[in-house]
Amino acid sequence: MRHFTRSAVTAIAITAASFSFPALAADISGAGATFPYPIYAKWADAYKKETGVGLNYQSIGSGGGIKQIKAKTVTFGASDAPLKGEDLEATGLVQFPMVMGGIVPVVNIEGIEPGALVLDGATLADIFMGKITNWNDPAIAKLNPDAKLPDMAIAVVHRSDGSGTTFNFANYLAATNGEWKEKVGVNTALEWPVGIGAKGNEGVANNVAQTGGAIGYVEYAYAKQNKLIYTDLINKEGKKVEPTAASFQAAASNADWNSVPGYGVILGDQPGAESWPITAATWIVLYKKPDDATATAEALKFFSWAYAKGDDAAAELDYVAMPDSVVKSVEETWAKEIVDADGKALFPATN
């Protein structure tokens, strides 16, 4: 987790506090990724109690969020699949990471407890391609020699909407299974070989919970909140790892966030014995020169507050906060690039 020094906390807290919150400010509007919805909701509740300003966030999937921000129907979009630098440049958008977390396979098999099963990427890809169709398949049994695997059909559940969670999940499968990379690929929306489609992390979680023999993939907070059975995974170093904040942090620990435009670093299949292999960041997307500068300024106040005061809430839901260095860089980006019609910065530069 990100640990602030006292001076860093004070500096950011003062920056956030230097804004004057209007007594009757309009709620902030955003739409997009379902991956971070649990933490955005938790932050929003605390922020409204402190400032009186609410967050109207539509958890509709990354694809929908990008469409809405490009259509200018919301103040910000949210996506778990970062936009490429050329796309940001062409559309006049700025992008920054807000928080990190892990994506986990979840199953509904009677008698199996969380973490009792382990899968690797190659086997997981074969399941989602329909090549492995039963829970007692030899490939699964080889990875789980002590498990009592039932003679039960596998019901695959996947996202039906454009999804950054799908992008990151598919990225892991492509990195570990050549056939998946060649035949299915990596994108926010896929031509799924098999399975039932469900909308959002919420939809996948609900479908898996209600379907015996099911397997799906969701953000870890959804697995915990819905008491779903998650599996462990074999990472790039060949080590069995559990989904925890520590293993998500391990995957993110060596990331060079400034190496990609818009901080668009993909954290999947990272090296390291402790690294969770489907770790992902989630990004906020805003206009550099928004039509509604007041609304964007309000949104930046909220994001600055979340960076400064949201760590504990993130940890409670097993998200990982952004490192100090990234927060400093992001806020410097806001000060330089996000301006009103007269070119005046909507976020003050920090010292």
Foldseek 3Di string as FASTA:
>chain_A
DADDDPVLLVQLVVQLVVDDQDPDDEAAEAEAALLCVVLVVVLQVVVCVVRVHGYHYHHFAHVVRVVCQLVVVGQKGKAQADDAPVVCVVSQKFKAFQWKFFKFKFAAAPPDAAALFEEELAVVVCVQLVVDFFQVPPNRCVRRVPDDTDRGTEAEEEAQDQHSLQQLSLVRNVVPHVVSCVPWNGGSHTPGNDHDHFTHLVRRLVVRVVDHNYIYMGTQLSCVVSVTHTYWYQALVRATEDGFLVQLCQLVVPDDQVPGGSSRDRSARGDDNSHRRRMTTMMMMHRLADPPLVSNLVVVSSSSCCLSPVQVSCNVSRMGGDYSVSSLVVLQCQCCRRAYPVRHRSRHRGD
